[in-house]
PDB file of N, CA and C in Angstrom:
ATOM      1  N   UNK A   1     -11.421 -18.175 -10.992  1.00  0.00           N
ATOM      2  CA  UNK A   1     -10.117 -18.772 -11.052  1.00  0.00           C
ATOM      3  C   UNK A   1      -9.530 -18.831  -9.640  1.00  0.00           C
ATOM      4  N   UNK A   2      -8.986 -19.953  -9.228  1.00  0.00           N
ATOM      5  CA  UNK A   2      -8.390 -20.048  -7.889  1.00  0.00           C
ATOM      6  C   UNK A   2      -7.195 -19.115  -7.726  1.00  0.00           C
ATOM      7  N   UNK A   3      -6.859 -18.862  -6.480  1.00  0.00           N
ATOM      8  CA  UNK A   3      -5.802 -17.916  -6.162  1.00  0.00           C
ATOM      9  C   UNK A   3      -4.456 -18.335  -6.733  1.00  0.00           C
ATOM     10  N   UNK A   4      -4.112 -19.602  -6.649  1.00  0.00           N
ATOM     11  CA  UNK A   4      -2.808 -20.046  -7.143  1.00  0.00           C
ATOM     12  C   UNK A   4      -2.671 -19.810  -8.650  1.00  0.00           C
ATOM     13  N   UNK A   5      -3.747 -19.984  -9.393  1.00  0.00           N
ATOM     14  CA  UNK A   5      -3.697 -19.738 -10.828  1.00  0.00           C
ATOM     15  C   UNK A   5      -3.518 -18.250 -11.112  1.00  0.00           C
ATOM     16  N   UNK A   6      -4.104 -17.392 -10.275  1.00  0.00           N
ATOM     17  CA  UNK A   6      -3.908 -15.945 -10.441  1.00  0.00           C
ATOM     18  C   UNK A   6      -2.450 -15.571 -10.205  1.00  0.00           C
ATOM     19  N   UNK A   7      -1.821 -16.172  -9.215  1.00  0.00           N
ATOM     20  CA  UNK A   7      -0.421 -15.868  -8.917  1.00  0.00           C
ATOM     21  C   UNK A   7       0.499 -16.328 -10.052  1.00  0.00           C
ATOM     22  N   UNK A   8       0.219 -17.487 -10.619  1.00  0.00           N
ATOM     23  CA  UNK A   8       1.020 -17.981 -11.745  1.00  0.00           C
ATOM     24  C   UNK A   8       0.843 -17.060 -12.947  1.00  0.00           C
ATOM     25  N   UNK A   9      -0.382 -16.604 -13.178  1.00  0.00           N
ATOM     26  CA  UNK A   9      -0.637 -15.689 -14.285  1.00  0.00           C
ATOM     27  C   UNK A   9       0.087 -14.351 -14.070  1.00  0.00           C
ATOM     28  N   UNK A  10       0.093 -13.845 -12.825  1.00  0.00           N
ATOM     29  CA  UNK A  10       0.836 -12.620 -12.526  1.00  0.00           C
ATOM     30  C   UNK A  10       2.328 -12.800 -12.785  1.00  0.00           C
ATOM     31  N   UNK A  11       2.856 -13.943 -12.398  1.00  0.00           N
ATOM     32  CA  UNK A  11       4.278 -14.225 -12.614  1.00  0.00           C
ATOM     33  C   UNK A  11       4.599 -14.281 -14.103  1.00  0.00           C
ATOM     34  N   UNK A  12       3.741 -14.912 -14.877  1.00  0.00           N
ATOM     35  CA  UNK A  12       3.968 -15.021 -16.315  1.00  0.00           C
ATOM     36  C   UNK A  12       3.827 -13.675 -17.011  1.00  0.00           C
ATOM     37  N   UNK A  13       2.763 -12.947 -16.712  1.00  0.00           N
ATOM     38  CA  UNK A  13       2.492 -11.703 -17.432  1.00  0.00           C
ATOM     39  C   UNK A  13       3.287 -10.516 -16.885  1.00  0.00           C
ATOM     40  N   UNK A  14       3.459 -10.452 -15.578  1.00  0.00           N
ATOM     41  CA  UNK A  14       4.139  -9.314 -14.985  1.00  0.00           C
ATOM     42  C   UNK A  14       5.642  -9.350 -15.133  1.00  0.00           C
ATOM     43  N   UNK A  15       6.224 -10.536 -15.130  1.00  0.00           N
ATOM     44  CA  UNK A  15       7.676 -10.665 -15.194  1.00  0.00           C
ATOM     45  C   UNK A  15       8.148 -11.468 -16.401  1.00  0.00           C
ATOM     46  N   UNK A  16       7.233 -11.821 -17.279  1.00  0.00           N
ATOM     47  CA  UNK A  16       7.559 -12.595 -18.490  1.00  0.00           C
ATOM     48  C   UNK A  16       8.309 -13.879 -18.123  1.00  0.00           C
ATOM     49  N   UNK A  17       7.836 -14.551 -17.107  1.00  0.00           N
ATOM     50  CA  UNK A  17       8.495 -15.765 -16.642  1.00  0.00           C
ATOM     51  C   UNK A  17       8.294 -16.936 -17.585  1.00  0.00           C
ATOM     52  N   UNK A  18       7.413 -16.789 -18.559  1.00  0.00           N
ATOM     53  CA  UNK A  18       7.222 -17.871 -19.530  1.00  0.00           C
ATOM     54  C   UNK A  18       8.235 -17.788 -20.665  1.00  0.00           C
ATOM     55  N   UNK A  19       9.078 -16.782 -20.644  1.00  0.00           N
ATOM     56  CA  UNK A  19      10.081 -16.605 -21.697  1.00  0.00           C
ATOM     57  C   UNK A  19      11.382 -17.275 -21.272  1.00  0.00           C
ATOM     58  N   UNK A  20      11.528 -18.503 -21.616  1.00  0.00           N
ATOM     59  CA  UNK A  20      12.734 -19.274 -21.316  1.00  0.00           C
ATOM     60  C   UNK A  20      13.352 -19.684 -22.646  1.00  0.00           C
ATOM     61  N   UNK A  21      14.108 -18.774 -23.222  1.00  0.00           N
ATOM     62  CA  UNK A  21      14.558 -18.955 -24.596  1.00  0.00           C
ATOM     63  C   UNK A  21      15.930 -19.602 -24.739  1.00  0.00           C
ATOM     64  N   UNK A  22      16.575 -19.934 -23.634  1.00  0.00           N
ATOM     65  CA  UNK A  22      17.889 -20.575 -23.730  1.00  0.00           C
ATOM     66  C   UNK A  22      17.718 -22.058 -24.050  1.00  0.00           C
ATOM     67  N   UNK A  23      18.741 -22.650 -24.650  1.00  0.00           N
ATOM     68  CA  UNK A  23      18.670 -24.071 -24.965  1.00  0.00           C
ATOM     69  C   UNK A  23      19.115 -24.944 -23.803  1.00  0.00           C
ATOM     70  N   UNK A  24      19.930 -24.401 -22.928  1.00  0.00           N
ATOM     71  CA  UNK A  24      20.437 -25.180 -21.801  1.00  0.00           C
ATOM     72  C   UNK A  24      19.422 -25.175 -20.651  1.00  0.00           C
ATOM     73  N   UNK A  25      19.287 -26.315 -20.020  1.00  0.00           N
ATOM     74  CA  UNK A  25      18.332 -26.464 -18.927  1.00  0.00           C
ATOM     75  C   UNK A  25      18.679 -25.543 -17.758  1.00  0.00           C
ATOM     76  N   UNK A  26      19.945 -25.525 -17.332  1.00  0.00           N
ATOM     77  CA  UNK A  26      20.325 -24.749 -16.161  1.00  0.00           C
ATOM     78  C   UNK A  26      20.220 -23.240 -16.414  1.00  0.00           C
ATOM     79  N   UNK A  27      20.406 -22.813 -17.641  1.00  0.00           N
ATOM     80  CA  UNK A  27      20.224 -21.397 -17.958  1.00  0.00           C
ATOM     81  C   UNK A  27      18.758 -20.999 -17.798  1.00  0.00           C
ATOM     82  N   UNK A  28      17.853 -21.846 -18.287  1.00  0.00           N
ATOM     83  CA  UNK A  28      16.427 -21.589 -18.115  1.00  0.00           C
ATOM     84  C   UNK A  28      16.017 -21.682 -16.647  1.00  0.00           C
ATOM     85  N   UNK A  29      16.591 -22.638 -15.946  1.00  0.00           N
ATOM     86  CA  UNK A  29      16.310 -22.805 -14.517  1.00  0.00           C
ATOM     87  C   UNK A  29      16.710 -21.548 -13.749  1.00  0.00           C
ATOM     88  N   UNK A  30      17.905 -21.014 -14.037  1.00  0.00           N
ATOM     89  CA  UNK A  30      18.382 -19.829 -13.352  1.00  0.00           C
ATOM     90  C   UNK A  30      17.534 -18.610 -13.711  1.00  0.00           C
ATOM     91  N   UNK A  31      17.146 -18.510 -14.963  1.00  0.00           N
ATOM     92  CA  UNK A  31      16.312 -17.390 -15.388  1.00  0.00           C
ATOM     93  C   UNK A  31      14.959 -17.426 -14.687  1.00  0.00           C
ATOM     94  N   UNK A  32      14.352 -18.590 -14.579  1.00  0.00           N
ATOM     95  CA  UNK A  32      13.077 -18.724 -13.874  1.00  0.00           C
ATOM     96  C   UNK A  32      13.248 -18.423 -12.390  1.00  0.00           C
ATOM     97  N   UNK A  33      14.373 -18.809 -11.828  1.00  0.00           N
ATOM     98  CA  UNK A  33      14.668 -18.505 -10.427  1.00  0.00           C
ATOM     99  C   UNK A  33      14.758 -16.992 -10.207  1.00  0.00           C
ATOM    100  N   UNK A  34      15.396 -16.268 -11.125  1.00  0.00           N
ATOM    101  CA  UNK A  34      15.469 -14.811 -11.012  1.00  0.00           C
ATOM    102  C   UNK A  34      14.090 -14.169 -11.126  1.00  0.00           C
ATOM    103  N   UNK A  35      13.257 -14.677 -12.037  1.00  0.00           N
ATOM    104  CA  UNK A  35      11.890 -14.158 -12.170  1.00  0.00           C
ATOM    105  C   UNK A  35      11.107 -14.367 -10.875  1.00  0.00           C
ATOM    106  N   UNK A  36      11.271 -15.518 -10.278  1.00  0.00           N
ATOM    107  CA  UNK A  36      10.555 -15.841  -9.050  1.00  0.00           C
ATOM    108  C   UNK A  36      11.038 -14.978  -7.887  1.00  0.00           C
ATOM    109  N   UNK A  37      12.332 -14.732  -7.805  1.00  0.00           N
ATOM    110  CA  UNK A  37      12.866 -13.851  -6.750  1.00  0.00           C
ATOM    111  C   UNK A  37      12.353 -12.432  -6.927  1.00  0.00           C
ATOM    112  N   UNK A  38      12.308 -11.944  -8.150  1.00  0.00           N
ATOM    113  CA  UNK A  38      11.781 -10.599  -8.412  1.00  0.00           C
ATOM    114  C   UNK A  38      10.304 -10.522  -8.037  1.00  0.00           C
ATOM    115  N   UNK A  39       9.556 -11.565  -8.334  1.00  0.00           N
ATOM    116  CA  UNK A  39       8.134 -11.602  -7.981  1.00  0.00           C
ATOM    117  C   UNK A  39       7.958 -11.581  -6.465  1.00  0.00           C
ATOM    118  N   UNK A  40       8.744 -12.376  -5.750  1.00  0.00           N
ATOM    119  CA  UNK A  40       8.638 -12.389  -4.287  1.00  0.00           C
ATOM    120  C   UNK A  40       9.055 -11.057  -3.680  1.00  0.00           C
ATOM    121  N   UNK A  41      10.071 -10.413  -4.240  1.00  0.00           N
ATOM    122  CA  UNK A  41      10.487  -9.101  -3.757  1.00  0.00           C
ATOM    123  C   UNK A  41       9.371  -8.077  -3.964  1.00  0.00           C
ATOM    124  N   UNK A  42       8.716  -8.128  -5.110  1.00  0.00           N
ATOM    125  CA  UNK A  42       7.607  -7.218  -5.378  1.00  0.00           C
ATOM    126  C   UNK A  42       6.450  -7.477  -4.432  1.00  0.00           C
ATOM    127  N   UNK A  43       6.181  -8.738  -4.122  1.00  0.00           N
ATOM    128  CA  UNK A  43       5.127  -9.047  -3.156  1.00  0.00           C
ATOM    129  C   UNK A  43       5.477  -8.534  -1.769  1.00  0.00           C
ATOM    130  N   UNK A  44       6.758  -8.574  -1.407  1.00  0.00           N
ATOM    131  CA  UNK A  44       7.192  -8.029  -0.126  1.00  0.00           C
ATOM    132  C   UNK A  44       6.936  -6.527  -0.072  1.00  0.00           C
ATOM    133  N   UNK A  45       7.300  -5.828  -1.139  1.00  0.00           N
ATOM    134  CA  UNK A  45       7.068  -4.388  -1.183  1.00  0.00           C
ATOM    135  C   UNK A  45       5.583  -4.069  -1.157  1.00  0.00           C
ATOM    136  N   UNK A  46       4.819  -4.788  -1.943  1.00  0.00           N
ATOM    137  CA  UNK A  46       3.384  -4.537  -2.029  1.00  0.00           C
ATOM    138  C   UNK A  46       2.668  -4.882  -0.725  1.00  0.00           C
ATOM    139  N   UNK A  47       3.180  -5.864  -0.002  1.00  0.00           N
ATOM    140  CA  UNK A  47       2.567  -6.267   1.255  1.00  0.00           C
ATOM    141  C   UNK A  47       2.777  -5.284   2.384  1.00  0.00           C
ATOM    142  N   UNK A  48       3.745  -4.379   2.244  1.00  0.00           N
ATOM    143  CA  UNK A  48       4.018  -3.389   3.280  1.00  0.00           C
ATOM    144  C   UNK A  48       3.309  -2.064   3.032  1.00  0.00           C
ATOM    145  N   UNK A  49       2.277  -2.068   2.228  1.00  0.00           N
ATOM    146  CA  UNK A  49       1.554  -0.847   1.911  1.00  0.00           C
ATOM    147  C   UNK A  49       0.326  -0.679   2.793  1.00  0.00           C
ATOM    148  N   UNK A  50       0.080   0.550   3.199  1.00  0.00           N
ATOM    149  CA  UNK A  50      -1.183   0.877   3.865  1.00  0.00           C
ATOM    150  C   UNK A  50      -2.203   1.355   2.846  1.00  0.00           C
ATOM    151  N   UNK A  51      -1.747   1.659   1.643  1.00  0.00           N
ATOM    152  CA  UNK A  51      -2.601   2.105   0.558  1.00  0.00           C
ATOM    153  C   UNK A  51      -3.348   0.889   0.006  1.00  0.00           C
ATOM    154  N   UNK A  52      -4.628   0.777   0.326  1.00  0.00           N
ATOM    155  CA  UNK A  52      -5.394  -0.423  -0.034  1.00  0.00           C
ATOM    156  C   UNK A  52      -5.552  -0.571  -1.541  1.00  0.00           C
ATOM    157  N   UNK A  53      -5.662   0.529  -2.253  1.00  0.00           N
ATOM    158  CA  UNK A  53      -5.865   0.451  -3.703  1.00  0.00           C
ATOM    159  C   UNK A  53      -4.642  -0.143  -4.396  1.00  0.00           C
ATOM    160  N   UNK A  54      -3.463   0.241  -3.967  1.00  0.00           N
ATOM    161  CA  UNK A  54      -2.253  -0.264  -4.604  1.00  0.00           C
ATOM    162  C   UNK A  54      -1.803  -1.599  -4.021  1.00  0.00           C
ATOM    163  N   UNK A  55      -2.213  -1.921  -2.799  1.00  0.00           N
ATOM    164  CA  UNK A  55      -1.840  -3.196  -2.190  1.00  0.00           C
ATOM    165  C   UNK A  55      -2.500  -4.368  -2.922  1.00  0.00           C
ATOM    166  N   UNK A  56      -3.621  -4.116  -3.564  1.00  0.00           N
ATOM    167  CA  UNK A  56      -4.326  -5.158  -4.308  1.00  0.00           C
ATOM    168  C   UNK A  56      -4.147  -5.010  -5.817  1.00  0.00           C
ATOM    169  N   UNK A  57      -3.299  -4.094  -6.247  1.00  0.00           N
ATOM    170  CA  UNK A  57      -3.111  -3.835  -7.677  1.00  0.00           C
ATOM    171  C   UNK A  57      -2.336  -4.972  -8.332  1.00  0.00           C
ATOM    172  N   UNK A  58      -2.455  -5.049  -9.638  1.00  0.00           N
ATOM    173  CA  UNK A  58      -1.686  -6.039 -10.387  1.00  0.00           C
ATOM    174  C   UNK A  58      -0.219  -5.656 -10.373  1.00  0.00           C
ATOM    175  N   UNK A  59       0.624  -6.626 -10.660  1.00  0.00           N
ATOM    176  CA  UNK A  59       2.061  -6.426 -10.631  1.00  0.00           C
ATOM    177  C   UNK A  59       2.485  -5.341 -11.622  1.00  0.00           C
ATOM    178  N   UNK A  60       1.896  -5.320 -12.811  1.00  0.00           N
ATOM    179  CA  UNK A  60       2.259  -4.310 -13.814  1.00  0.00           C
ATOM    180  C   UNK A  60       1.991  -2.897 -13.309  1.00  0.00           C
ATOM    181  N   UNK A  61       0.844  -2.693 -12.679  1.00  0.00           N
ATOM    182  CA  UNK A  61       0.492  -1.386 -12.139  1.00  0.00           C
ATOM    183  C   UNK A  61       1.441  -0.991 -11.020  1.00  0.00           C
ATOM    184  N   UNK A  62       1.752  -1.941 -10.139  1.00  0.00           N
ATOM    185  CA  UNK A  62       2.655  -1.661  -9.024  1.00  0.00           C
ATOM    186  C   UNK A  62       4.043  -1.292  -9.535  1.00  0.00           C
ATOM    187  N   UNK A  63       4.555  -2.034 -10.495  1.00  0.00           N
ATOM    188  CA  UNK A  63       5.886  -1.742 -11.048  1.00  0.00           C
ATOM    189  C   UNK A  63       5.908  -0.384 -11.723  1.00  0.00           C
ATOM    190  N   UNK A  64       4.838  -0.027 -12.442  1.00  0.00           N
ATOM    191  CA  UNK A  64       4.788   1.247 -13.140  1.00  0.00           C
ATOM    192  C   UNK A  64       4.788   2.418 -12.164  1.00  0.00           C
ATOM    193  N   UNK A  65       4.070   2.288 -11.062  1.00  0.00           N
ATOM    194  CA  UNK A  65       3.935   3.406 -10.133  1.00  0.00           C
ATOM    195  C   UNK A  65       5.074   3.501  -9.127  1.00  0.00           C
ATOM    196  N   UNK A  66       5.651   2.387  -8.735  1.00  0.00           N
ATOM    197  CA  UNK A  66       6.631   2.412  -7.644  1.00  0.00           C
ATOM    198  C   UNK A  66       8.055   2.153  -8.114  1.00  0.00           C
ATOM    199  N   UNK A  67       8.265   1.234  -9.006  1.00  0.00           N
ATOM    200  CA  UNK A  67       9.624   0.820  -9.344  1.00  0.00           C
ATOM    201  C   UNK A  67      10.197   1.446 -10.609  1.00  0.00           C
ATOM    202  N   UNK A  68       9.373   1.796 -11.560  1.00  0.00           N
ATOM    203  CA  UNK A  68       9.871   2.377 -12.808  1.00  0.00           C
ATOM    204  C   UNK A  68       9.960   3.886 -12.646  1.00  0.00           C
ATOM    205  N   UNK A  69      11.113   4.328 -12.190  1.00  0.00           N
ATOM    206  CA  UNK A  69      11.302   5.758 -11.926  1.00  0.00           C
ATOM    207  C   UNK A  69      12.741   6.131 -12.240  1.00  0.00           C
ATOM    208  N   UNK A  70      12.898   7.308 -12.774  1.00  0.00           N
ATOM    209  CA  UNK A  70      14.238   7.807 -13.020  1.00  0.00           C
ATOM    210  C   UNK A  70      14.819   8.390 -11.742  1.00  0.00           C
ATOM    211  N   UNK A  71      16.068   8.117 -11.504  1.00  0.00           N
ATOM    212  CA  UNK A  71      16.710   8.613 -10.284  1.00  0.00           C
ATOM    213  C   UNK A  71      18.180   8.874 -10.560  1.00  0.00           C
ATOM    214  N   UNK A  72      18.743   9.726  -9.750  1.00  0.00           N
ATOM    215  CA  UNK A  72      20.173  10.017  -9.797  1.00  0.00           C
ATOM    216  C   UNK A  72      20.804   9.347  -8.589  1.00  0.00           C
ATOM    217  N   UNK A  73      21.787   8.488  -8.808  1.00  0.00           N
ATOM    218  CA  UNK A  73      22.403   7.727  -7.726  1.00  0.00           C
ATOM    219  C   UNK A  73      23.808   8.266  -7.494  1.00  0.00           C
ATOM    220  N   UNK A  74      24.075   8.611  -6.255  1.00  0.00           N
ATOM    221  CA  UNK A  74      25.385   9.140  -5.857  1.00  0.00           C
ATOM    222  C   UNK A  74      25.960   8.205  -4.808  1.00  0.00           C
ATOM    223  N   UNK A  75      27.153   7.722  -5.042  1.00  0.00           N
ATOM    224  CA  UNK A  75      27.792   6.824  -4.085  1.00  0.00           C
ATOM    225  C   UNK A  75      28.954   7.535  -3.409  1.00  0.00           C
ATOM    226  N   UNK A  76      29.044   7.330  -2.126  1.00  0.00           N
ATOM    227  CA  UNK A  76      30.178   7.817  -1.359  1.00  0.00           C
ATOM    228  C   UNK A  76      30.818   6.605  -0.694  1.00  0.00           C
ATOM    229  N   UNK A  77      31.799   6.841   0.132  1.00  0.00           N
ATOM    230  CA  UNK A  77      32.487   5.736   0.785  1.00  0.00           C
ATOM    231  C   UNK A  77      31.547   4.999   1.736  1.00  0.00           C
ATOM    232  N   UNK A  78      30.680   5.734   2.417  1.00  0.00           N
ATOM    233  CA  UNK A  78      29.839   5.131   3.451  1.00  0.00           C
ATOM    234  C   UNK A  78      28.382   4.945   3.071  1.00  0.00           C
ATOM    235  N   UNK A  79      27.899   5.652   2.063  1.00  0.00           N
ATOM    236  CA  UNK A  79      26.470   5.605   1.752  1.00  0.00           C
ATOM    237  C   UNK A  79      26.215   5.595   0.254  1.00  0.00           C
ATOM    238  N   UNK A  80      25.007   5.189  -0.064  1.00  0.00           N
ATOM    239  CA  UNK A  80      24.500   5.294  -1.422  1.00  0.00           C
ATOM    240  C   UNK A  80      23.272   6.200  -1.350  1.00  0.00           C
ATOM    241  N   UNK A  81      23.323   7.310  -2.068  1.00  0.00           N
ATOM    242  CA  UNK A  81      22.236   8.277  -2.072  1.00  0.00           C
ATOM    243  C   UNK A  81      21.427   8.105  -3.350  1.00  0.00           C
ATOM    244  N   UNK A  82      20.107   8.043  -3.211  1.00  0.00           N
ATOM    245  CA  UNK A  82      19.214   7.953  -4.365  1.00  0.00           C
ATOM    246  C   UNK A  82      18.376   9.223  -4.380  1.00  0.00           C
ATOM    247  N   UNK A  83      18.505  10.005  -5.424  1.00  0.00           N
ATOM    248  CA  UNK A  83      17.787  11.266  -5.556  1.00  0.00           C
ATOM    249  C   UNK A  83      16.685  11.092  -6.598  1.00  0.00           C
ATOM    250  N   UNK A  84      15.442  11.143  -6.137  1.00  0.00           N
ATOM    251  CA  UNK A  84      14.298  11.033  -7.032  1.00  0.00           C
ATOM    252  C   UNK A  84      13.905  12.412  -7.538  1.00  0.00           C
ATOM    253  N   UNK A  85      13.198  12.442  -8.628  1.00  0.00           N
ATOM    254  CA  UNK A  85      12.700  13.689  -9.173  1.00  0.00           C
ATOM    255  C   UNK A  85      11.653  14.278  -8.226  1.00  0.00           C
ATOM    256  N   UNK A  86      11.671  15.580  -8.067  1.00  0.00           N
ATOM    257  CA  UNK A  86      10.681  16.225  -7.200  1.00  0.00           C
ATOM    258  C   UNK A  86       9.296  16.215  -7.843  1.00  0.00           C
ATOM    259  N   UNK A  87       9.220  15.980  -9.147  1.00  0.00           N
ATOM    260  CA  UNK A  87       7.939  15.938  -9.843  1.00  0.00           C
ATOM    261  C   UNK A  87       7.325  14.533  -9.872  1.00  0.00           C
ATOM    262  N   UNK A  88       7.999  13.550  -9.297  1.00  0.00           N
ATOM    263  CA  UNK A  88       7.484  12.180  -9.306  1.00  0.00           C
ATOM    264  C   UNK A  88       6.235  12.099  -8.437  1.00  0.00           C
ATOM    265  N   UNK A  89       5.087  11.720  -8.989  1.00  0.00           N
ATOM    266  CA  UNK A  89       3.841  11.756  -8.225  1.00  0.00           C
ATOM    267  C   UNK A  89       3.726  10.671  -7.144  1.00  0.00           C
ATOM    268  N   UNK A  90       4.530   9.638  -7.207  1.00  0.00           N
ATOM    269  CA  UNK A  90       4.410   8.546  -6.239  1.00  0.00           C
ATOM    270  C   UNK A  90       5.554   8.544  -5.235  1.00  0.00           C
ATOM    271  N   UNK A  91       6.150   9.676  -5.002  1.00  0.00           N
ATOM    272  CA  UNK A  91       7.271   9.786  -4.074  1.00  0.00           C
ATOM    273  C   UNK A  91       6.863   9.429  -2.642  1.00  0.00           C
ATOM    274  N   UNK A  92       5.707   9.910  -2.206  1.00  0.00           N
ATOM    275  CA  UNK A  92       5.235   9.618  -0.846  1.00  0.00           C
ATOM    276  C   UNK A  92       4.923   8.136  -0.669  1.00  0.00           C
ATOM    277  N   UNK A  93       4.422   7.515  -1.711  1.00  0.00           N
ATOM    278  CA  UNK A  93       4.135   6.088  -1.664  1.00  0.00           C
ATOM    279  C   UNK A  93       5.420   5.283  -1.514  1.00  0.00           C
ATOM    280  N   UNK A  94       6.452   5.646  -2.249  1.00  0.00           N
ATOM    281  CA  UNK A  94       7.743   4.974  -2.133  1.00  0.00           C
ATOM    282  C   UNK A  94       8.318   5.164  -0.730  1.00  0.00           C
ATOM    283  N   UNK A  95       8.177   6.373  -0.182  1.00  0.00           N
ATOM    284  CA  UNK A  95       8.661   6.652   1.171  1.00  0.00           C
ATOM    285  C   UNK A  95       7.919   5.803   2.200  1.00  0.00           C
ATOM    286  N   UNK A  96       6.628   5.602   1.992  1.00  0.00           N
ATOM    287  CA  UNK A  96       5.833   4.763   2.891  1.00  0.00           C
ATOM    288  C   UNK A  96       6.331   3.318   2.882  1.00  0.00           C
ATOM    289  N   UNK A  97       6.630   2.803   1.704  1.00  0.00           N
ATOM    290  CA  UNK A  97       7.132   1.434   1.593  1.00  0.00           C
ATOM    291  C   UNK A  97       8.500   1.315   2.252  1.00  0.00           C
ATOM    292  N   UNK A  98       9.378   2.276   1.978  1.00  0.00           N
ATOM    293  CA  UNK A  98      10.714   2.251   2.564  1.00  0.00           C
ATOM    294  C   UNK A  98      10.650   2.296   4.087  1.00  0.00           C
ATOM    295  N   UNK A  99       9.818   3.151   4.633  1.00  0.00           N
ATOM    296  CA  UNK A  99       9.680   3.267   6.089  1.00  0.00           C
ATOM    297  C   UNK A  99       9.142   1.974   6.701  1.00  0.00           C
ATOM    298  N   UNK A 100       8.175   1.354   6.045  1.00  0.00           N
ATOM    299  CA  UNK A 100       7.614   0.100   6.553  1.00  0.00           C
ATOM    300  C   UNK A 100       8.659  -1.006   6.569  1.00  0.00           C
ATOM    301  N   UNK A 101       9.489  -1.081   5.534  1.00  0.00           N
ATOM    302  CA  UNK A 101      10.523  -2.121   5.481  1.00  0.00           C
ATOM    303  C   UNK A 101      11.642  -1.814   6.496  1.00  0.00           C
ATOM    304  N   UNK A 102      12.017  -0.545   6.592  1.00  0.00           N
ATOM    305  CA  UNK A 102      13.083  -0.168   7.533  1.00  0.00           C
ATOM    306  C   UNK A 102      12.666  -0.413   8.984  1.00  0.00           C
ATOM    307  N   UNK A 103      11.387  -0.300   9.291  1.00  0.00           N
ATOM    308  CA  UNK A 103      10.892  -0.524  10.640  1.00  0.00           C
ATOM    309  C   UNK A 103      10.536  -1.983  10.910  1.00  0.00           C
ATOM    310  N   UNK A 104      10.688  -2.818   9.919  1.00  0.00           N
ATOM    311  CA  UNK A 104      10.380  -4.238  10.065  1.00  0.00           C
ATOM    312  C   UNK A 104      11.389  -4.892  11.013  1.00  0.00           C
ATOM    313  N   UNK A 105      10.947  -5.839  11.842  1.00  0.00           N
ATOM    314  CA  UNK A 105      11.890  -6.480  12.757  1.00  0.00           C
ATOM    315  C   UNK A 105      12.894  -7.387  12.041  1.00  0.00           C
ATOM    316  N   UNK A 106      12.646  -7.717  10.778  1.00  0.00           N
ATOM    317  CA  UNK A 106      13.548  -8.608  10.027  1.00  0.00           C
ATOM    318  C   UNK A 106      14.628  -7.843   9.279  1.00  0.00           C
ATOM    319  N   UNK A 107      14.586  -6.515   9.335  1.00  0.00           N
ATOM    320  CA  UNK A 107      15.518  -5.697   8.575  1.00  0.00           C
ATOM    321  C   UNK A 107      16.287  -4.779   9.508  1.00  0.00           C
ATOM    322  N   UNK A 108      17.539  -4.613   9.253  1.00  0.00           N
ATOM    323  CA  UNK A 108      18.371  -3.740  10.078  1.00  0.00           C
ATOM    324  C   UNK A 108      19.169  -2.799   9.195  1.00  0.00           C
ATOM    325  N   UNK A 109      19.173  -1.508   9.530  1.00  0.00           N
ATOM    326  CA  UNK A 109      19.930  -0.528   8.770  1.00  0.00           C
ATOM    327  C   UNK A 109      21.388  -0.490   9.196  1.00  0.00           C
ATOM    328  N   UNK A 110      21.739  -1.163  10.271  1.00  0.00           N
ATOM    329  CA  UNK A 110      23.127  -1.125  10.775  1.00  0.00           C
ATOM    330  C   UNK A 110      23.999  -2.111  10.053  1.00  0.00           C
TER     331      UNK A 110
END
């Protein structure tokens, strides 16, 4: 199967982008746009990995290991603190992704 067909299949299966259940055209258009943005965001995160096994993983596997996590969020006037569980096995992997994005020339923490 060509690469473009694999990407479309990932978008459909990983983000349920084939589920456009609204009757209005613009509602379905917006929903598909959100699915596509989420897919591109996941590709950005996955592309910043040094972990070769997870960099080539399917979207479902990546979401399960990196994004589906329970956390405690504390907001203050100046910052948003995210506290992950100390028992989370993929904590170092998430830290690696965060560091890669924070050090990217296209992103600024200021």
